[in-house]
Amino acid sequence: MISKTQINKRIKKKINPEIVETINLAKKNNLLELAKKLSGPSRLYKNINLDELDKLKDDKILVVGKVLGSGEVSRKIKISALAFSEQARGKLKKAGCEISKIKDEIKSKKINEFKVVG
């Protein structure tokens, strides 16, 4: 387990203000595991393709990283991630999937329903 103090030290190294805001929201809502993953090095963020997401059995998926557009999605799922490639965004909308930013899901207090990937 990581403390809020350690997360604060890690935040100082972050440049992207959106990621800093997301980490602070996670920390404020006692989502310390998520804050730990987000405050870690960005090279550890998971880039995941659509075909990998389609293989997962969960209907609500949280990606600590970026969703890429390789492959197809054959079912409606709800995905929350730090970022989506344009190709992935288009394919997901075409398949009828819901997409959102992690920050928005934390604000809506529905983040605990998601299976974390990455």
PDB file of N, CA and C in Angstrom:
ATOM      1  N   MET A   1       0.857  -1.184   0.000  1.00  0.00           N
ATOM      2  CA  MET A   1       0.000   0.000   0.000  1.00  0.00           C
ATOM      3  C   MET A   1       0.893   1.234   0.000  1.00  0.00           C
ATOM      4  N   ILE A   2       0.447   2.228  -0.674  1.00  0.00           N
ATOM      5  CA  ILE A   2       1.196   3.477  -0.769  1.00  0.00           C
ATOM      6  C   ILE A   2       0.444   4.559   0.005  1.00  0.00           C
ATOM      7  N   SER A   3       1.192   5.449   0.618  1.00  0.00           N
ATOM      8  CA  SER A   3       0.550   6.512   1.402  1.00  0.00           C
ATOM      9  C   SER A   3       0.264   7.734   0.523  1.00  0.00           C
ATOM     10  N   LYS A   4      -0.606   8.573   1.023  1.00  0.00           N
ATOM     11  CA  LYS A   4      -0.935   9.806   0.298  1.00  0.00           C
ATOM     12  C   LYS A   4       0.291  10.708   0.191  1.00  0.00           C
ATOM     13  N   THR A   5       1.164  10.655   1.192  1.00  0.00           N
ATOM     14  CA  THR A   5       2.386  11.461   1.169  1.00  0.00           C
ATOM     15  C   THR A   5       3.301  11.023   0.026  1.00  0.00           C
ATOM     16  N   GLN A   6       3.437   9.708  -0.150  1.00  0.00           N
ATOM     17  CA  GLN A   6       4.267   9.207  -1.251  1.00  0.00           C
ATOM     18  C   GLN A   6       3.665   9.574  -2.602  1.00  0.00           C
ATOM     19  N   ILE A   7       2.358   9.522  -2.699  1.00  0.00           N
ATOM     20  CA  ILE A   7       1.688   9.906  -3.944  1.00  0.00           C
ATOM     21  C   ILE A   7       1.942  11.384  -4.224  1.00  0.00           C
ATOM     22  N   ASN A   8       1.893  12.217  -3.187  1.00  0.00           N
ATOM     23  CA  ASN A   8       2.164  13.651  -3.364  1.00  0.00           C
ATOM     24  C   ASN A   8       3.576  13.884  -3.894  1.00  0.00           C
ATOM     25  N   LYS A   9       4.546  13.108  -3.416  1.00  0.00           N
ATOM     26  CA  LYS A   9       5.921  13.241  -3.896  1.00  0.00           C
ATOM     27  C   LYS A   9       6.007  12.867  -5.374  1.00  0.00           C
ATOM     28  N   ARG A  10       5.276  11.813  -5.758  1.00  0.00           N
ATOM     29  CA  ARG A  10       5.287  11.378  -7.155  1.00  0.00           C
ATOM     30  C   ARG A  10       4.615  12.400  -8.074  1.00  0.00           C
ATOM     31  N   ILE A  11       3.573  13.059  -7.580  1.00  0.00           N
ATOM     32  CA  ILE A  11       2.832  14.032  -8.392  1.00  0.00           C
ATOM     33  C   ILE A  11       3.744  15.171  -8.839  1.00  0.00           C
ATOM     34  N   LYS A  12       4.698  15.549  -8.002  1.00  0.00           N
ATOM     35  CA  LYS A  12       5.596  16.663  -8.326  1.00  0.00           C
ATOM     36  C   LYS A  12       6.391  16.408  -9.605  1.00  0.00           C
ATOM     37  N   LYS A  13       6.570  15.132  -9.972  1.00  0.00           N
ATOM     38  CA  LYS A  13       7.324  14.791 -11.179  1.00  0.00           C
ATOM     39  C   LYS A  13       6.450  14.797 -12.435  1.00  0.00           C
ATOM     40  N   LYS A  14       5.136  14.881 -12.256  1.00  0.00           N
ATOM     41  CA  LYS A  14       4.211  14.823 -13.393  1.00  0.00           C
ATOM     42  C   LYS A  14       4.094  16.190 -14.059  1.00  0.00           C
ATOM     43  N   ILE A  15       4.060  16.178 -15.389  1.00  0.00           N
ATOM     44  CA  ILE A  15       3.971  17.415 -16.174  1.00  0.00           C
ATOM     45  C   ILE A  15       2.549  17.656 -16.668  1.00  0.00           C
ATOM     46  N   ASN A  16       1.855  16.572 -17.048  1.00  0.00           N
ATOM     47  CA  ASN A  16       0.520  16.676 -17.628  1.00  0.00           C
ATOM     48  C   ASN A  16      -0.502  17.075 -16.552  1.00  0.00           C
ATOM     49  N   PRO A  17      -1.111  18.268 -16.678  1.00  0.00           N
ATOM     50  CA  PRO A  17      -2.043  18.737 -15.644  1.00  0.00           C
ATOM     51  C   PRO A  17      -3.295  17.863 -15.525  1.00  0.00           C
ATOM     52  N   GLU A  18      -3.726  17.222 -16.613  1.00  0.00           N
ATOM     53  CA  GLU A  18      -4.904  16.362 -16.554  1.00  0.00           C
ATOM     54  C   GLU A  18      -4.633  15.110 -15.710  1.00  0.00           C
ATOM     55  N   ILE A  19      -3.441  14.558 -15.848  1.00  0.00           N
ATOM     56  CA  ILE A  19      -3.074  13.385 -15.043  1.00  0.00           C
ATOM     57  C   ILE A  19      -2.939  13.774 -13.577  1.00  0.00           C
ATOM     58  N   VAL A  20      -2.361  14.930 -13.313  1.00  0.00           N
ATOM     59  CA  VAL A  20      -2.229  15.415 -11.931  1.00  0.00           C
ATOM     60  C   VAL A  20      -3.612  15.588 -11.308  1.00  0.00           C
ATOM     61  N   GLU A  21      -4.542  16.163 -12.067  1.00  0.00           N
ATOM     62  CA  GLU A  21      -5.904  16.361 -11.563  1.00  0.00           C
ATOM     63  C   GLU A  21      -6.583  15.007 -11.292  1.00  0.00           C
ATOM     64  N   THR A  22      -6.375  14.042 -12.184  1.00  0.00           N
ATOM     65  CA  THR A  22      -6.958  12.711 -12.013  1.00  0.00           C
ATOM     66  C   THR A  22      -6.390  12.023 -10.776  1.00  0.00           C
ATOM     67  N   ILE A  23      -5.089  12.149 -10.566  1.00  0.00           N
ATOM     68  CA  ILE A  23      -4.447  11.553  -9.380  1.00  0.00           C
ATOM     69  C   ILE A  23      -5.014  12.183  -8.109  1.00  0.00           C
ATOM     70  N   ASN A  24      -5.128  13.508  -8.111  1.00  0.00           N
ATOM     71  CA  ASN A  24      -5.664  14.197  -6.931  1.00  0.00           C
ATOM     72  C   ASN A  24      -7.102  13.785  -6.636  1.00  0.00           C
ATOM     73  N   LEU A  25      -7.914  13.624  -7.681  1.00  0.00           N
ATOM     74  CA  LEU A  25      -9.296  13.166  -7.496  1.00  0.00           C
ATOM     75  C   LEU A  25      -9.324  11.749  -6.917  1.00  0.00           C
ATOM     76  N   ALA A  26      -8.476  10.872  -7.450  1.00  0.00           N
ATOM     77  CA  ALA A  26      -8.420   9.494  -6.957  1.00  0.00           C
ATOM     78  C   ALA A  26      -7.998   9.476  -5.489  1.00  0.00           C
ATOM     79  N   LYS A  27      -7.015  10.282  -5.166  1.00  0.00           N
ATOM     80  CA  LYS A  27      -6.513  10.347  -3.788  1.00  0.00           C
ATOM     81  C   LYS A  27      -7.600  10.873  -2.844  1.00  0.00           C
ATOM     82  N   LYS A  28      -8.313  11.895  -3.285  1.00  0.00           N
ATOM     83  CA  LYS A  28      -9.364  12.498  -2.480  1.00  0.00           C
ATOM     84  C   LYS A  28     -10.510  11.516  -2.224  1.00  0.00           C
ATOM     85  N   ASN A  29     -10.761  10.615  -3.174  1.00  0.00           N
ATOM     86  CA  ASN A  29     -11.845   9.639  -3.050  1.00  0.00           C
ATOM     87  C   ASN A  29     -11.364   8.291  -2.509  1.00  0.00           C
ATOM     88  N   ASN A  30     -10.173   8.278  -1.905  1.00  0.00           N
ATOM     89  CA  ASN A  30      -9.583   7.084  -1.297  1.00  0.00           C
ATOM     90  C   ASN A  30      -9.393   5.931  -2.280  1.00  0.00           C
ATOM     91  N   LEU A  31      -9.083   6.251  -3.505  1.00  0.00           N
ATOM     92  CA  LEU A  31      -8.752   5.247  -4.519  1.00  0.00           C
ATOM     93  C   LEU A  31      -7.233   5.202  -4.641  1.00  0.00           C
ATOM     94  N   LEU A  32      -6.589   4.765  -3.567  1.00  0.00           N
ATOM     95  CA  LEU A  32      -5.131   4.854  -3.479  1.00  0.00           C
ATOM     96  C   LEU A  32      -4.423   3.935  -4.467  1.00  0.00           C
ATOM     97  N   GLU A  33      -4.979   2.759  -4.748  1.00  0.00           N
ATOM     98  CA  GLU A  33      -4.346   1.863  -5.725  1.00  0.00           C
ATOM     99  C   GLU A  33      -4.338   2.499  -7.116  1.00  0.00           C
ATOM    100  N   LEU A  34      -5.450   3.128  -7.486  1.00  0.00           N
ATOM    101  CA  LEU A  34      -5.526   3.823  -8.772  1.00  0.00           C
ATOM    102  C   LEU A  34      -4.561   5.009  -8.784  1.00  0.00           C
ATOM    103  N   ALA A  35      -4.540   5.779  -7.706  1.00  0.00           N
ATOM    104  CA  ALA A  35      -3.626   6.922  -7.609  1.00  0.00           C
ATOM    105  C   ALA A  35      -2.179   6.460  -7.698  1.00  0.00           C
ATOM    106  N   LYS A  36      -1.877   5.303  -7.110  1.00  0.00           N
ATOM    107  CA  LYS A  36      -0.524   4.750  -7.153  1.00  0.00           C
ATOM    108  C   LYS A  36      -0.134   4.443  -8.598  1.00  0.00           C
ATOM    109  N   LYS A  37      -1.028   3.788  -9.343  1.00  0.00           N
ATOM    110  CA  LYS A  37      -0.733   3.438 -10.736  1.00  0.00           C
ATOM    111  C   LYS A  37      -0.571   4.695 -11.594  1.00  0.00           C
ATOM    112  N   LEU A  38      -1.439   5.670 -11.384  1.00  0.00           N
ATOM    113  CA  LEU A  38      -1.377   6.894 -12.179  1.00  0.00           C
ATOM    114  C   LEU A  38      -0.162   7.750 -11.844  1.00  0.00           C
ATOM    115  N   SER A  39       0.270   7.706 -10.587  1.00  0.00           N
ATOM    116  CA  SER A  39       1.402   8.546 -10.178  1.00  0.00           C
ATOM    117  C   SER A  39       2.743   7.896 -10.493  1.00  0.00           C
ATOM    118  N   GLY A  40       2.717   6.640 -10.890  1.00  0.00           N
ATOM    119  CA  GLY A  40       3.947   5.947 -11.266  1.00  0.00           C
ATOM    120  C   GLY A  40       4.451   6.427 -12.618  1.00  0.00           C
ATOM    121  N   PRO A  41       5.559   5.870 -13.075  1.00  0.00           N
ATOM    122  CA  PRO A  41       6.126   6.280 -14.367  1.00  0.00           C
ATOM    123  C   PRO A  41       5.153   5.993 -15.519  1.00  0.00           C
ATOM    124  N   SER A  42       5.077   6.903 -16.460  1.00  0.00           N
ATOM    125  CA  SER A  42       4.154   6.729 -17.581  1.00  0.00           C
ATOM    126  C   SER A  42       4.547   5.550 -18.472  1.00  0.00           C
ATOM    127  N   ARG A  43       5.783   5.120 -18.408  1.00  0.00           N
ATOM    128  CA  ARG A  43       6.192   3.953 -19.199  1.00  0.00           C
ATOM    129  C   ARG A  43       5.513   2.685 -18.702  1.00  0.00           C
ATOM    130  N   LEU A  44       4.984   2.720 -17.486  1.00  0.00           N
ATOM    131  CA  LEU A  44       4.262   1.570 -16.941  1.00  0.00           C
ATOM    132  C   LEU A  44       2.770   1.607 -17.269  1.00  0.00           C
ATOM    133  N   TYR A  45       2.294   2.697 -17.875  1.00  0.00           N
ATOM    134  CA  TYR A  45       0.904   2.762 -18.302  1.00  0.00           C
ATOM    135  C   TYR A  45       0.689   1.717 -19.386  1.00  0.00           C
ATOM    136  N   LYS A  46      -0.482   1.159 -19.445  1.00  0.00           N
ATOM    137  CA  LYS A  46      -0.786   0.073 -20.382  1.00  0.00           C
ATOM    138  C   LYS A  46      -1.457   0.645 -21.627  1.00  0.00           C
ATOM    139  N   ASN A  47      -0.879   0.346 -22.799  1.00  0.00           N
ATOM    140  CA  ASN A  47      -1.533   0.641 -24.065  1.00  0.00           C
ATOM    141  C   ASN A  47      -2.183  -0.653 -24.510  1.00  0.00           C
ATOM    142  N   ILE A  48      -3.490  -0.620 -24.718  1.00  0.00           N
ATOM    143  CA  ILE A  48      -4.217  -1.847 -25.001  1.00  0.00           C
ATOM    144  C   ILE A  48      -5.042  -1.695 -26.273  1.00  0.00           C
ATOM    145  N   ASN A  49      -5.016  -2.716 -27.107  1.00  0.00           N
ATOM    146  CA  ASN A  49      -5.756  -2.701 -28.366  1.00  0.00           C
ATOM    147  C   ASN A  49      -7.191  -3.178 -28.155  1.00  0.00           C
ATOM    148  N   LEU A  50      -8.049  -2.841 -29.115  1.00  0.00           N
ATOM    149  CA  LEU A  50      -9.454  -3.206 -29.026  1.00  0.00           C
ATOM    150  C   LEU A  50      -9.663  -4.713 -28.985  1.00  0.00           C
ATOM    151  N   ASP A  51      -8.868  -5.464 -29.743  1.00  0.00           N
ATOM    152  CA  ASP A  51      -9.054  -6.918 -29.742  1.00  0.00           C
ATOM    153  C   ASP A  51      -8.748  -7.525 -28.371  1.00  0.00           C
ATOM    154  N   GLU A  52      -7.810  -6.921 -27.627  1.00  0.00           N
ATOM    155  CA  GLU A  52      -7.516  -7.393 -26.276  1.00  0.00           C
ATOM    156  C   GLU A  52      -8.678  -7.080 -25.334  1.00  0.00           C
ATOM    157  N   LEU A  53      -9.284  -5.907 -25.506  1.00  0.00           N
ATOM    158  CA  LEU A  53     -10.439  -5.533 -24.689  1.00  0.00           C
ATOM    159  C   LEU A  53     -11.618  -6.455 -24.960  1.00  0.00           C
ATOM    160  N   ASP A  54     -11.786  -6.844 -26.217  1.00  0.00           N
ATOM    161  CA  ASP A  54     -12.905  -7.702 -26.601  1.00  0.00           C
ATOM    162  C   ASP A  54     -12.793  -9.082 -25.953  1.00  0.00           C
ATOM    163  N   LYS A  55     -11.582  -9.543 -25.688  1.00  0.00           N
ATOM    164  CA  LYS A  55     -11.365 -10.855 -25.073  1.00  0.00           C
ATOM    165  C   LYS A  55     -11.737 -10.869 -23.589  1.00  0.00           C
ATOM    166  N   LEU A  56     -11.716  -9.697 -22.950  1.00  0.00           N
ATOM    167  CA  LEU A  56     -12.048  -9.626 -21.526  1.00  0.00           C
ATOM    168  C   LEU A  56     -13.541  -9.874 -21.328  1.00  0.00           C
ATOM    169  N   LYS A  57     -13.885 -10.548 -20.249  1.00  0.00           N
ATOM    170  CA  LYS A  57     -15.281 -10.900 -20.003  1.00  0.00           C
ATOM    171  C   LYS A  57     -16.077  -9.772 -19.344  1.00  0.00           C
ATOM    172  N   ASP A  58     -15.381  -8.808 -18.783  1.00  0.00           N
ATOM    173  CA  ASP A  58     -16.049  -7.726 -18.052  1.00  0.00           C
ATOM    174  C   ASP A  58     -16.734  -6.746 -18.998  1.00  0.00           C
ATOM    175  N   ASP A  59     -17.816  -6.141 -18.502  1.00  0.00           N
ATOM    176  CA  ASP A  59     -18.554  -5.155 -19.293  1.00  0.00           C
ATOM    177  C   ASP A  59     -18.100  -3.730 -19.008  1.00  0.00           C
ATOM    178  N   LYS A  60     -17.438  -3.526 -17.888  1.00  0.00           N
ATOM    179  CA  LYS A  60     -16.935  -2.203 -17.524  1.00  0.00           C
ATOM    180  C   LYS A  60     -15.442  -2.329 -17.259  1.00  0.00           C
ATOM    181  N   ILE A  61     -14.658  -1.645 -18.094  1.00  0.00           N
ATOM    182  CA  ILE A  61     -13.203  -1.792 -18.049  1.00  0.00           C
ATOM    183  C   ILE A  61     -12.543  -0.432 -17.877  1.00  0.00           C
ATOM    184  N   LEU A  62     -11.585  -0.355 -16.956  1.00  0.00           N
ATOM    185  CA  LEU A  62     -10.813   0.857 -16.730  1.00  0.00           C
ATOM    186  C   LEU A  62      -9.384   0.580 -17.179  1.00  0.00           C
ATOM    187  N   VAL A  63      -8.883   1.385 -18.121  1.00  0.00           N
ATOM    188  CA  VAL A  63      -7.534   1.209 -18.652  1.00  0.00           C
ATOM    189  C   VAL A  63      -6.648   2.337 -18.126  1.00  0.00           C
ATOM    190  N   VAL A  64      -5.626   1.958 -17.374  1.00  0.00           N
ATOM    191  CA  VAL A  64      -4.656   2.943 -16.890  1.00  0.00           C
ATOM    192  C   VAL A  64      -3.639   3.101 -18.018  1.00  0.00           C
ATOM    193  N   GLY A  65      -3.997   3.905 -18.988  1.00  0.00           N
ATOM    194  CA  GLY A  65      -3.175   4.108 -20.173  1.00  0.00           C
ATOM    195  C   GLY A  65      -4.045   4.522 -21.342  1.00  0.00           C
ATOM    196  N   LYS A  66      -3.656   4.061 -22.533  1.00  0.00           N
ATOM    197  CA  LYS A  66      -4.323   4.485 -23.757  1.00  0.00           C
ATOM    198  C   LYS A  66      -4.949   3.287 -24.467  1.00  0.00           C
ATOM    199  N   VAL A  67      -6.140   3.502 -25.026  1.00  0.00           N
ATOM    200  CA  VAL A  67      -6.806   2.483 -25.820  1.00  0.00           C
ATOM    201  C   VAL A  67      -6.454   2.736 -27.283  1.00  0.00           C
ATOM    202  N   LEU A  68      -5.897   1.707 -27.942  1.00  0.00           N
ATOM    203  CA  LEU A  68      -5.466   1.816 -29.334  1.00  0.00           C
ATOM    204  C   LEU A  68      -6.468   1.116 -30.251  1.00  0.00           C
ATOM    205  N   GLY A  69      -6.454   1.454 -31.533  1.00  0.00           N
ATOM    206  CA  GLY A  69      -7.489   1.035 -32.461  1.00  0.00           C
ATOM    207  C   GLY A  69      -7.281  -0.258 -33.208  1.00  0.00           C
ATOM    208  N   SER A  70      -6.303  -1.066 -32.885  1.00  0.00           N
ATOM    209  CA  SER A  70      -6.072  -2.309 -33.607  1.00  0.00           C
ATOM    210  C   SER A  70      -7.095  -3.358 -33.184  1.00  0.00           C
ATOM    211  N   GLY A  71      -7.783  -3.948 -34.141  1.00  0.00           N
ATOM    212  CA  GLY A  71      -8.781  -4.969 -33.846  1.00  0.00           C
ATOM    213  C   GLY A  71     -10.182  -4.394 -33.866  1.00  0.00           C
ATOM    214  N   GLU A  72     -11.122  -5.216 -33.438  1.00  0.00           N
ATOM    215  CA  GLU A  72     -12.534  -4.835 -33.410  1.00  0.00           C
ATOM    216  C   GLU A  72     -13.131  -5.213 -32.056  1.00  0.00           C
ATOM    217  N   VAL A  73     -14.251  -4.573 -31.733  1.00  0.00           N
ATOM    218  CA  VAL A  73     -15.013  -4.905 -30.538  1.00  0.00           C
ATOM    219  C   VAL A  73     -16.353  -5.456 -31.013  1.00  0.00           C
ATOM    220  N   SER A  74     -16.723  -6.640 -30.521  1.00  0.00           N
ATOM    221  CA  SER A  74     -17.934  -7.299 -31.003  1.00  0.00           C
ATOM    222  C   SER A  74     -19.126  -7.157 -30.062  1.00  0.00           C
ATOM    223  N   ARG A  75     -18.951  -6.440 -28.961  1.00  0.00           N
ATOM    224  CA  ARG A  75     -20.045  -6.286 -27.995  1.00  0.00           C
ATOM    225  C   ARG A  75     -19.986  -4.898 -27.380  1.00  0.00           C
ATOM    226  N   LYS A  76     -21.079  -4.521 -26.740  1.00  0.00           N
ATOM    227  CA  LYS A  76     -21.132  -3.211 -26.094  1.00  0.00           C
ATOM    228  C   LYS A  76     -20.471  -3.305 -24.725  1.00  0.00           C
ATOM    229  N   ILE A  77     -19.473  -2.469 -24.528  1.00  0.00           N
ATOM    230  CA  ILE A  77     -18.797  -2.393 -23.240  1.00  0.00           C
ATOM    231  C   ILE A  77     -18.624  -0.925 -22.867  1.00  0.00           C
ATOM    232  N   LYS A  78     -18.379  -0.694 -21.600  1.00  0.00           N
ATOM    233  CA  LYS A  78     -18.112   0.659 -21.127  1.00  0.00           C
ATOM    234  C   LYS A  78     -16.643   0.719 -20.770  1.00  0.00           C
ATOM    235  N   ILE A  79     -15.923   1.653 -21.386  1.00  0.00           N
ATOM    236  CA  ILE A  79     -14.479   1.757 -21.187  1.00  0.00           C
ATOM    237  C   ILE A  79     -14.127   3.149 -20.677  1.00  0.00           C
ATOM    238  N   SER A  80     -13.314   3.163 -19.653  1.00  0.00           N
ATOM    239  CA  SER A  80     -12.778   4.406 -19.122  1.00  0.00           C
ATOM    240  C   SER A  80     -11.257   4.309 -19.203  1.00  0.00           C
ATOM    241  N   ALA A  81     -10.612   5.351 -19.731  1.00  0.00           N
ATOM    242  CA  ALA A  81      -9.160   5.328 -19.907  1.00  0.00           C
ATOM    243  C   ALA A  81      -8.602   6.741 -19.796  1.00  0.00           C
ATOM    244  N   LEU A  82      -7.274   6.814 -19.732  1.00  0.00           N
ATOM    245  CA  LEU A  82      -6.618   8.122 -19.756  1.00  0.00           C
ATOM    246  C   LEU A  82      -6.763   8.761 -21.132  1.00  0.00           C
ATOM    247  N   ALA A  83      -6.653   7.921 -22.182  1.00  0.00           N
ATOM    248  CA  ALA A  83      -6.721   8.456 -23.552  1.00  0.00           C
ATOM    249  C   ALA A  83      -7.209   7.376 -24.514  1.00  0.00           C
ATOM    250  N   PHE A  84      -7.722   7.838 -25.652  1.00  0.00           N
ATOM    251  CA  PHE A  84      -8.172   6.960 -26.729  1.00  0.00           C
ATOM    252  C   PHE A  84      -7.580   7.472 -28.027  1.00  0.00           C
ATOM    253  N   SER A  85      -7.087   6.554 -28.858  1.00  0.00           N
ATOM    254  CA  SER A  85      -6.647   6.978 -30.184  1.00  0.00           C
ATOM    255  C   SER A  85      -7.891   7.321 -30.990  1.00  0.00           C
ATOM    256  N   GLU A  86      -7.735   8.131 -32.037  1.00  0.00           N
ATOM    257  CA  GLU A  86      -8.885   8.512 -32.869  1.00  0.00           C
ATOM    258  C   GLU A  86      -9.532   7.287 -33.495  1.00  0.00           C
ATOM    259  N   GLN A  87      -8.699   6.345 -33.943  1.00  0.00           N
ATOM    260  CA  GLN A  87      -9.217   5.124 -34.566  1.00  0.00           C
ATOM    261  C   GLN A  87     -10.021   4.304 -33.550  1.00  0.00           C
ATOM    262  N   ALA A  88      -9.516   4.178 -32.339  1.00  0.00           N
ATOM    263  CA  ALA A  88     -10.216   3.426 -31.299  1.00  0.00           C
ATOM    264  C   ALA A  88     -11.528   4.105 -30.937  1.00  0.00           C
ATOM    265  N   ARG A  89     -11.498   5.420 -30.813  1.00  0.00           N
ATOM    266  CA  ARG A  89     -12.701   6.176 -30.475  1.00  0.00           C
ATOM    267  C   ARG A  89     -13.800   5.933 -31.519  1.00  0.00           C
ATOM    268  N   GLY A  90     -13.428   5.978 -32.790  1.00  0.00           N
ATOM    269  CA  GLY A  90     -14.385   5.765 -33.871  1.00  0.00           C
ATOM    270  C   GLY A  90     -14.963   4.351 -33.864  1.00  0.00           C
ATOM    271  N   LYS A  91     -14.110   3.355 -33.698  1.00  0.00           N
ATOM    272  CA  LYS A  91     -14.566   1.963 -33.692  1.00  0.00           C
ATOM    273  C   LYS A  91     -15.457   1.671 -32.487  1.00  0.00           C
ATOM    274  N   LEU A  92     -15.118   2.228 -31.335  1.00  0.00           N
ATOM    275  CA  LEU A  92     -15.914   2.005 -30.138  1.00  0.00           C
ATOM    276  C   LEU A  92     -17.299   2.644 -30.264  1.00  0.00           C
ATOM    277  N   LYS A  93     -17.347   3.854 -30.795  1.00  0.00           N
ATOM    278  CA  LYS A  93     -18.642   4.515 -30.983  1.00  0.00           C
ATOM    279  C   LYS A  93     -19.489   3.765 -32.000  1.00  0.00           C
ATOM    280  N   LYS A  94     -18.852   3.262 -33.047  1.00  0.00           N
ATOM    281  CA  LYS A  94     -19.556   2.498 -34.075  1.00  0.00           C
ATOM    282  C   LYS A  94     -20.153   1.211 -33.488  1.00  0.00           C
ATOM    283  N   ALA A  95     -19.451   0.597 -32.535  1.00  0.00           N
ATOM    284  CA  ALA A  95     -19.919  -0.631 -31.896  1.00  0.00           C
ATOM    285  C   ALA A  95     -20.942  -0.356 -30.792  1.00  0.00           C
ATOM    286  N   GLY A  96     -21.202   0.925 -30.504  1.00  0.00           N
ATOM    287  CA  GLY A  96     -22.187   1.277 -29.481  1.00  0.00           C
ATOM    288  C   GLY A  96     -21.645   1.257 -28.067  1.00  0.00           C
ATOM    289  N   CYS A  97     -20.336   1.306 -27.919  1.00  0.00           N
ATOM    290  CA  CYS A  97     -19.704   1.292 -26.596  1.00  0.00           C
ATOM    291  C   CYS A  97     -19.721   2.692 -25.982  1.00  0.00           C
ATOM    292  N   GLU A  98     -19.701   2.734 -24.669  1.00  0.00           N
ATOM    293  CA  GLU A  98     -19.585   4.000 -23.952  1.00  0.00           C
ATOM    294  C   GLU A  98     -18.117   4.213 -23.612  1.00  0.00           C
ATOM    295  N   ILE A  99     -17.615   5.411 -23.884  1.00  0.00           N
ATOM    296  CA  ILE A  99     -16.229   5.720 -23.529  1.00  0.00           C
ATOM    297  C   ILE A  99     -16.207   6.965 -22.650  1.00  0.00           C
ATOM    298  N   SER A 100     -15.248   6.981 -21.725  1.00  0.00           N
ATOM    299  CA  SER A 100     -15.122   8.129 -20.830  1.00  0.00           C
ATOM    300  C   SER A 100     -13.695   8.216 -20.308  1.00  0.00           C
ATOM    301  N   LYS A 101     -13.372   9.349 -19.782  1.00  0.00           N
ATOM    302  CA  LYS A 101     -12.082   9.569 -19.134  1.00  0.00           C
ATOM    303  C   LYS A 101     -12.169   9.062 -17.690  1.00  0.00           C
ATOM    304  N   ILE A 102     -11.058   8.607 -17.152  1.00  0.00           N
ATOM    305  CA  ILE A 102     -11.011   8.121 -15.774  1.00  0.00           C
ATOM    306  C   ILE A 102     -11.491   9.217 -14.816  1.00  0.00           C
ATOM    307  N   LYS A 103     -11.061  10.432 -15.085  1.00  0.00           N
ATOM    308  CA  LYS A 103     -11.408  11.565 -14.235  1.00  0.00           C
ATOM    309  C   LYS A 103     -12.925  11.729 -14.113  1.00  0.00           C
ATOM    310  N   ASP A 104     -13.641  11.560 -15.223  1.00  0.00           N
ATOM    311  CA  ASP A 104     -15.098  11.703 -15.208  1.00  0.00           C
ATOM    312  C   ASP A 104     -15.768  10.595 -14.405  1.00  0.00           C
ATOM    313  N   GLU A 105     -15.228   9.386 -14.476  1.00  0.00           N
ATOM    314  CA  GLU A 105     -15.796   8.267 -13.713  1.00  0.00           C
ATOM    315  C   GLU A 105     -15.554   8.441 -12.217  1.00  0.00           C
ATOM    316  N   ILE A 106     -14.420   9.011 -11.843  1.00  0.00           N
ATOM    317  CA  ILE A 106     -14.164   9.275 -10.424  1.00  0.00           C
ATOM    318  C   ILE A 106     -15.156  10.313  -9.921  1.00  0.00           C
ATOM    319  N   LYS A 107     -15.387  11.353 -10.724  1.00  0.00           N
ATOM    320  CA  LYS A 107     -16.340  12.402 -10.337  1.00  0.00           C
ATOM    321  C   LYS A 107     -17.753  11.855 -10.191  1.00  0.00           C
ATOM    322  N   SER A 108     -18.127  10.893 -11.044  1.00  0.00           N
ATOM    323  CA  SER A 108     -19.481  10.338 -10.991  1.00  0.00           C
ATOM    324  C   SER A 108     -19.635   9.283  -9.889  1.00  0.00           C
ATOM    325  N   LYS A 109     -18.533   8.955  -9.212  1.00  0.00           N
ATOM    326  CA  LYS A 109     -18.519   7.994  -8.096  1.00  0.00           C
ATOM    327  C   LYS A 109     -18.864   6.566  -8.533  1.00  0.00           C
ATOM    328  N   LYS A 110     -18.722   6.247  -9.822  1.00  0.00           N
ATOM    329  CA  LYS A 110     -19.034   4.903 -10.305  1.00  0.00           C
ATOM    330  C   LYS A 110     -17.769   4.124 -10.666  1.00  0.00           C
ATOM    331  N   ILE A 111     -16.635   4.606 -10.243  1.00  0.00           N
ATOM    332  CA  ILE A 111     -15.352   4.016 -10.612  1.00  0.00           C
ATOM    333  C   ILE A 111     -15.172   2.611 -10.033  1.00  0.00           C
ATOM    334  N   ASN A 112     -15.808   2.311  -8.912  1.00  0.00           N
ATOM    335  CA  ASN A 112     -15.640   1.001  -8.262  1.00  0.00           C
ATOM    336  C   ASN A 112     -16.294  -0.133  -9.041  1.00  0.00           C
ATOM    337  N   GLU A 113     -17.131   0.195 -10.018  1.00  0.00           N
ATOM    338  CA  GLU A 113     -17.802  -0.833 -10.827  1.00  0.00           C
ATOM    339  C   GLU A 113     -16.884  -1.399 -11.909  1.00  0.00           C
ATOM    340  N   PHE A 114     -15.748  -0.760 -12.144  1.00  0.00           N
ATOM    341  CA  PHE A 114     -14.876  -1.104 -13.258  1.00  0.00           C
ATOM    342  C   PHE A 114     -13.814  -2.133 -12.891  1.00  0.00           C
ATOM    343  N   LYS A 115     -13.462  -2.969 -13.840  1.00  0.00           N
ATOM    344  CA  LYS A 115     -12.338  -3.904 -13.730  1.00  0.00           C
ATOM    345  C   LYS A 115     -11.111  -3.154 -14.250  1.00  0.00           C
ATOM    346  N   VAL A 116     -10.070  -3.037 -13.428  1.00  0.00           N
ATOM    347  CA  VAL A 116      -8.867  -2.285 -13.801  1.00  0.00           C
ATOM    348  C   VAL A 116      -7.938  -3.155 -14.647  1.00  0.00           C
ATOM    349  N   VAL A 117      -7.502  -2.597 -15.779  1.00  0.00           N
ATOM    350  CA  VAL A 117      -6.553  -3.246 -16.672  1.00  0.00           C
ATOM    351  C   VAL A 117      -5.343  -2.329 -16.785  1.00  0.00           C
ATOM    352  N   GLY A 118      -4.165  -2.872 -16.565  1.00  0.00           N
ATOM    353  CA  GLY A 118      -2.952  -2.070 -16.710  1.00  0.00           C
ATOM    354  C   GLY A 118      -2.352  -1.631 -15.422  1.00  0.00           C
TER     355      GLY A 118
END
